[in-house]
Amino acid sequence: MGCGRAILCIVFPPLAVVDRGCGTVLIVFLLTLAGWVPGAIAALILNYMAANKR
């Protein structure tokens, strides 16, 4: 995961996971609506797992 993607996860979490699929974006969006911190953490985890999978 690049530095730019990590910053995007913190600033606007749903935009950081837009390439993961509609369901992932929806889940992160709902978590961000519930509270900014859960959405940011979910986006960071999803992007970290995707980066290590490659």
PDB file of N, CA and C in Angstrom:
ATOM      1  N   MET A   1       0.852  -1.164   0.000  1.00  0.00           N
ATOM      2  CA  MET A   1       0.000   0.000   0.000  1.00  0.00           C
ATOM      3  C   MET A   1       0.896   1.224   0.000  1.00  0.00           C
ATOM      4  N   GLY A   2       0.616   2.123  -0.923  1.00  0.00           N
ATOM      5  CA  GLY A   2       1.415   3.328  -1.044  1.00  0.00           C
ATOM      6  C   GLY A   2       1.025   4.383  -0.022  1.00  0.00           C
ATOM      7  N   CYS A   3       1.889   5.358   0.104  1.00  0.00           N
ATOM      8  CA  CYS A   3       1.666   6.440   1.058  1.00  0.00           C
ATOM      9  C   CYS A   3       0.427   7.256   0.673  1.00  0.00           C
ATOM     10  N   GLY A   4       0.244   7.486  -0.620  1.00  0.00           N
ATOM     11  CA  GLY A   4      -0.925   8.234  -1.074  1.00  0.00           C
ATOM     12  C   GLY A   4      -2.220   7.515  -0.758  1.00  0.00           C
ATOM     13  N   ARG A   5      -2.227   6.202  -0.917  1.00  0.00           N
ATOM     14  CA  ARG A   5      -3.426   5.410  -0.621  1.00  0.00           C
ATOM     15  C   ARG A   5      -3.709   5.423   0.880  1.00  0.00           C
ATOM     16  N   ALA A   6      -2.671   5.383   1.710  1.00  0.00           N
ATOM     17  CA  ALA A   6      -2.866   5.426   3.158  1.00  0.00           C
ATOM     18  C   ALA A   6      -3.449   6.769   3.590  1.00  0.00           C
ATOM     19  N   ILE A   7      -2.982   7.847   2.995  1.00  0.00           N
ATOM     20  CA  ILE A   7      -3.524   9.169   3.318  1.00  0.00           C
ATOM     21  C   ILE A   7      -4.981   9.259   2.869  1.00  0.00           C
ATOM     22  N   LEU A   8      -5.288   8.694   1.713  1.00  0.00           N
ATOM     23  CA  LEU A   8      -6.659   8.683   1.219  1.00  0.00           C
ATOM     24  C   LEU A   8      -7.566   7.866   2.141  1.00  0.00           C
ATOM     25  N   CYS A   9      -7.044   6.788   2.717  1.00  0.00           N
ATOM     26  CA  CYS A   9      -7.814   5.990   3.672  1.00  0.00           C
ATOM     27  C   CYS A   9      -8.188   6.818   4.894  1.00  0.00           C
ATOM     28  N   ILE A  10      -7.309   7.692   5.297  1.00  0.00           N
ATOM     29  CA  ILE A  10      -7.558   8.499   6.483  1.00  0.00           C
ATOM     30  C   ILE A  10      -8.473   9.681   6.169  1.00  0.00           C
ATOM     31  N   VAL A  11      -8.258  10.335   5.024  1.00  0.00           N
ATOM     32  CA  VAL A  11      -9.022  11.534   4.689  1.00  0.00           C
ATOM     33  C   VAL A  11     -10.437  11.188   4.239  1.00  0.00           C
ATOM     34  N   PHE A  12     -10.578  10.273   3.284  1.00  0.00           N
ATOM     35  CA  PHE A  12     -11.894   9.893   2.767  1.00  0.00           C
ATOM     36  C   PHE A  12     -11.911   8.387   2.499  1.00  0.00           C
ATOM     37  N   PRO A  13     -12.249   7.589   3.510  1.00  0.00           N
ATOM     38  CA  PRO A  13     -12.156   6.123   3.409  1.00  0.00           C
ATOM     39  C   PRO A  13     -12.905   5.475   2.246  1.00  0.00           C
ATOM     40  N   PRO A  14     -14.145   5.855   1.918  1.00  0.00           N
ATOM     41  CA  PRO A  14     -14.823   5.163   0.814  1.00  0.00           C
ATOM     42  C   PRO A  14     -14.124   5.333  -0.529  1.00  0.00           C
ATOM     43  N   LEU A  15     -13.513   6.468  -0.754  1.00  0.00           N
ATOM     44  CA  LEU A  15     -12.809   6.692  -2.014  1.00  0.00           C
ATOM     45  C   LEU A  15     -11.562   5.816  -2.122  1.00  0.00           C
ATOM     46  N   ALA A  16     -10.987   5.446  -1.011  1.00  0.00           N
ATOM     47  CA  ALA A  16      -9.776   4.632  -1.015  1.00  0.00           C
ATOM     48  C   ALA A  16     -10.052   3.182  -1.399  1.00  0.00           C
ATOM     49  N   VAL A  17     -11.284   2.719  -1.240  1.00  0.00           N
ATOM     50  CA  VAL A  17     -11.603   1.324  -1.551  1.00  0.00           C
ATOM     51  C   VAL A  17     -12.505   1.188  -2.768  1.00  0.00           C
ATOM     52  N   VAL A  18     -12.596   2.240  -3.586  1.00  0.00           N
ATOM     53  CA  VAL A  18     -13.517   2.228  -4.723  1.00  0.00           C
ATOM     54  C   VAL A  18     -13.156   1.149  -5.751  1.00  0.00           C
ATOM     55  N   ASP A  19     -11.908   0.740  -5.829  1.00  0.00           N
ATOM     56  CA  ASP A  19     -11.510  -0.295  -6.786  1.00  0.00           C
ATOM     57  C   ASP A  19     -11.690  -1.707  -6.246  1.00  0.00           C
ATOM     58  N   ARG A  20     -12.228  -1.856  -5.057  1.00  0.00           N
ATOM     59  CA  ARG A  20     -12.441  -3.170  -4.448  1.00  0.00           C
ATOM     60  C   ARG A  20     -13.820  -3.743  -4.731  1.00  0.00           C
ATOM     61  N   GLY A  21     -14.745  -2.930  -5.218  1.00  0.00           N
ATOM     62  CA  GLY A  21     -16.087  -3.420  -5.522  1.00  0.00           C
ATOM     63  C   GLY A  21     -17.147  -2.640  -4.775  1.00  0.00           C
ATOM     64  N   CYS A  22     -18.375  -2.784  -5.256  1.00  0.00           N
ATOM     65  CA  CYS A  22     -19.494  -2.006  -4.731  1.00  0.00           C
ATOM     66  C   CYS A  22     -19.808  -2.355  -3.276  1.00  0.00           C
ATOM     67  N   GLY A  23     -19.766  -3.617  -2.935  1.00  0.00           N
ATOM     68  CA  GLY A  23     -20.075  -4.034  -1.568  1.00  0.00           C
ATOM     69  C   GLY A  23     -19.084  -3.494  -0.557  1.00  0.00           C
ATOM     70  N   THR A  24     -17.821  -3.508  -0.909  1.00  0.00           N
ATOM     71  CA  THR A  24     -16.788  -2.993  -0.022  1.00  0.00           C
ATOM     72  C   THR A  24     -16.941  -1.496   0.177  1.00  0.00           C
ATOM     73  N   VAL A  25     -17.227  -0.782  -0.899  1.00  0.00           N
ATOM     74  CA  VAL A  25     -17.427   0.665  -0.797  1.00  0.00           C
ATOM     75  C   VAL A  25     -18.625   0.963   0.097  1.00  0.00           C
ATOM     76  N   LEU A  26     -19.689   0.195  -0.052  1.00  0.00           N
ATOM     77  CA  LEU A  26     -20.885   0.408   0.750  1.00  0.00           C
ATOM     78  C   LEU A  26     -20.615   0.153   2.234  1.00  0.00           C
ATOM     79  N   ILE A  27     -19.915  -0.910   2.541  1.00  0.00           N
ATOM     80  CA  ILE A  27     -19.600  -1.225   3.940  1.00  0.00           C
ATOM     81  C   ILE A  27     -18.730  -0.132   4.551  1.00  0.00           C
ATOM     82  N   VAL A  28     -17.699   0.280   3.834  1.00  0.00           N
ATOM     83  CA  VAL A  28     -16.822   1.328   4.360  1.00  0.00           C
ATOM     84  C   VAL A  28     -17.578   2.648   4.478  1.00  0.00           C
ATOM     85  N   PHE A  29     -18.468   2.929   3.534  1.00  0.00           N
ATOM     86  CA  PHE A  29     -19.270   4.150   3.606  1.00  0.00           C
ATOM     87  C   PHE A  29     -20.171   4.144   4.838  1.00  0.00           C
ATOM     88  N   LEU A  30     -20.814   3.018   5.102  1.00  0.00           N
ATOM     89  CA  LEU A  30     -21.681   2.925   6.279  1.00  0.00           C
ATOM     90  C   LEU A  30     -20.885   3.036   7.572  1.00  0.00           C
ATOM     91  N   LEU A  31     -19.709   2.431   7.605  1.00  0.00           N
ATOM     92  CA  LEU A  31     -18.855   2.565   8.784  1.00  0.00           C
ATOM     93  C   LEU A  31     -18.393   4.005   8.967  1.00  0.00           C
ATOM     94  N   THR A  32     -18.132   4.698   7.870  1.00  0.00           N
ATOM     95  CA  THR A  32     -17.726   6.094   7.951  1.00  0.00           C
ATOM     96  C   THR A  32     -18.887   6.956   8.442  1.00  0.00           C
ATOM     97  N   LEU A  33     -20.108   6.645   8.029  1.00  0.00           N
ATOM     98  CA  LEU A  33     -21.268   7.375   8.533  1.00  0.00           C
ATOM     99  C   LEU A  33     -21.465   7.139  10.027  1.00  0.00           C
ATOM    100  N   ALA A  34     -21.202   5.919  10.483  1.00  0.00           N
ATOM    101  CA  ALA A  34     -21.345   5.602  11.900  1.00  0.00           C
ATOM    102  C   ALA A  34     -20.297   6.332  12.734  1.00  0.00           C
ATOM    103  N   GLY A  35     -19.176   6.583  12.150  1.00  0.00           N
ATOM    104  CA  GLY A  35     -18.084   7.269  12.831  1.00  0.00           C
ATOM    105  C   GLY A  35     -16.883   7.249  11.915  1.00  0.00           C
ATOM    106  N   TRP A  36     -16.172   8.328  11.883  1.00  0.00           N
ATOM    107  CA  TRP A  36     -15.052   8.432  10.952  1.00  0.00           C
ATOM    108  C   TRP A  36     -13.967   7.389  11.233  1.00  0.00           C
ATOM    109  N   VAL A  37     -13.701   7.130  12.502  1.00  0.00           N
ATOM    110  CA  VAL A  37     -12.628   6.205  12.872  1.00  0.00           C
ATOM    111  C   VAL A  37     -12.894   4.780  12.384  1.00  0.00           C
ATOM    112  N   PRO A  38     -14.083   4.201  12.584  1.00  0.00           N
ATOM    113  CA  PRO A  38     -14.303   2.841  12.063  1.00  0.00           C
ATOM    114  C   PRO A  38     -14.151   2.734  10.550  1.00  0.00           C
ATOM    115  N   GLY A  39     -14.600   3.753   9.825  1.00  0.00           N
ATOM    116  CA  GLY A  39     -14.448   3.737   8.372  1.00  0.00           C
ATOM    117  C   GLY A  39     -12.994   3.809   7.952  1.00  0.00           C
ATOM    118  N   ALA A  40     -12.220   4.644   8.618  1.00  0.00           N
ATOM    119  CA  ALA A  40     -10.800   4.776   8.296  1.00  0.00           C
ATOM    120  C   ALA A  40     -10.044   3.489   8.620  1.00  0.00           C
ATOM    121  N   ILE A  41     -10.360   2.878   9.745  1.00  0.00           N
ATOM    122  CA  ILE A  41      -9.695   1.631  10.120  1.00  0.00           C
ATOM    123  C   ILE A  41     -10.042   0.521   9.135  1.00  0.00           C
ATOM    124  N   ALA A  42     -11.307   0.421   8.752  1.00  0.00           N
ATOM    125  CA  ALA A  42     -11.713  -0.611   7.792  1.00  0.00           C
ATOM    126  C   ALA A  42     -11.026  -0.406   6.451  1.00  0.00           C
ATOM    127  N   ALA A  43     -10.932   0.831   5.991  1.00  0.00           N
ATOM    128  CA  ALA A  43     -10.268   1.109   4.720  1.00  0.00           C
ATOM    129  C   ALA A  43      -8.783   0.769   4.791  1.00  0.00           C
ATOM    130  N   LEU A  44      -8.138   1.112   5.903  1.00  0.00           N
ATOM    131  CA  LEU A  44      -6.723   0.781   6.060  1.00  0.00           C
ATOM    132  C   LEU A  44      -6.500  -0.732   6.062  1.00  0.00           C
ATOM    133  N   ILE A  45      -7.344  -1.454   6.777  1.00  0.00           N
ATOM    134  CA  ILE A  45      -7.207  -2.917   6.838  1.00  0.00           C
ATOM    135  C   ILE A  45      -7.432  -3.545   5.466  1.00  0.00           C
ATOM    136  N   LEU A  46      -8.492  -3.122   4.767  1.00  0.00           N
ATOM    137  CA  LEU A  46      -8.789  -3.694   3.450  1.00  0.00           C
ATOM    138  C   LEU A  46      -7.667  -3.411   2.451  1.00  0.00           C
ATOM    139  N   ASN A  47      -7.126  -2.211   2.468  1.00  0.00           N
ATOM    140  CA  ASN A  47      -6.046  -1.881   1.539  1.00  0.00           C
ATOM    141  C   ASN A  47      -4.750  -2.589   1.927  1.00  0.00           C
ATOM    142  N   TYR A  48      -4.507  -2.769   3.209  1.00  0.00           N
ATOM    143  CA  TYR A  48      -3.312  -3.493   3.642  1.00  0.00           C
ATOM    144  C   TYR A  48      -3.398  -4.961   3.233  1.00  0.00           C
ATOM    145  N   MET A  49      -4.572  -5.573   3.393  1.00  0.00           N
ATOM    146  CA  MET A  49      -4.738  -6.976   3.010  1.00  0.00           C
ATOM    147  C   MET A  49      -4.608  -7.141   1.498  1.00  0.00           C
ATOM    148  N   ALA A  50      -5.135  -6.206   0.721  1.00  0.00           N
ATOM    149  CA  ALA A  50      -5.052  -6.287  -0.726  1.00  0.00           C
ATOM    150  C   ALA A  50      -3.613  -6.092  -1.206  1.00  0.00           C
ATOM    151  N   ALA A  51      -2.864  -5.241  -0.535  1.00  0.00           N
ATOM    152  CA  ALA A  51      -1.479  -4.988  -0.940  1.00  0.00           C
ATOM    153  C   ALA A  51      -0.596  -6.194  -0.645  1.00  0.00           C
ATOM    154  N   ASN A  52      -0.871  -6.907   0.442  1.00  0.00           N
ATOM    155  CA  ASN A  52      -0.072  -8.078   0.793  1.00  0.00           C
ATOM    156  C   ASN A  52      -0.470  -9.305   0.007  1.00  0.00           C
ATOM    157  N   LYS A  53      -1.644  -9.292  -0.605  1.00  0.00           N
ATOM    158  CA  LYS A  53      -2.102 -10.425  -1.396  1.00  0.00           C
ATOM    159  C   LYS A  53      -1.373 -10.526  -2.728  1.00  0.00           C
ATOM    160  N   ARG A  54      -0.921  -9.395  -3.248  1.00  0.00           N
ATOM    161  CA  ARG A  54      -0.281  -9.370  -4.562  1.00  0.00           C
ATOM    162  C   ARG A  54       1.107  -9.877  -4.538  1.00  0.00           C
TER     163      ARG A  54
END
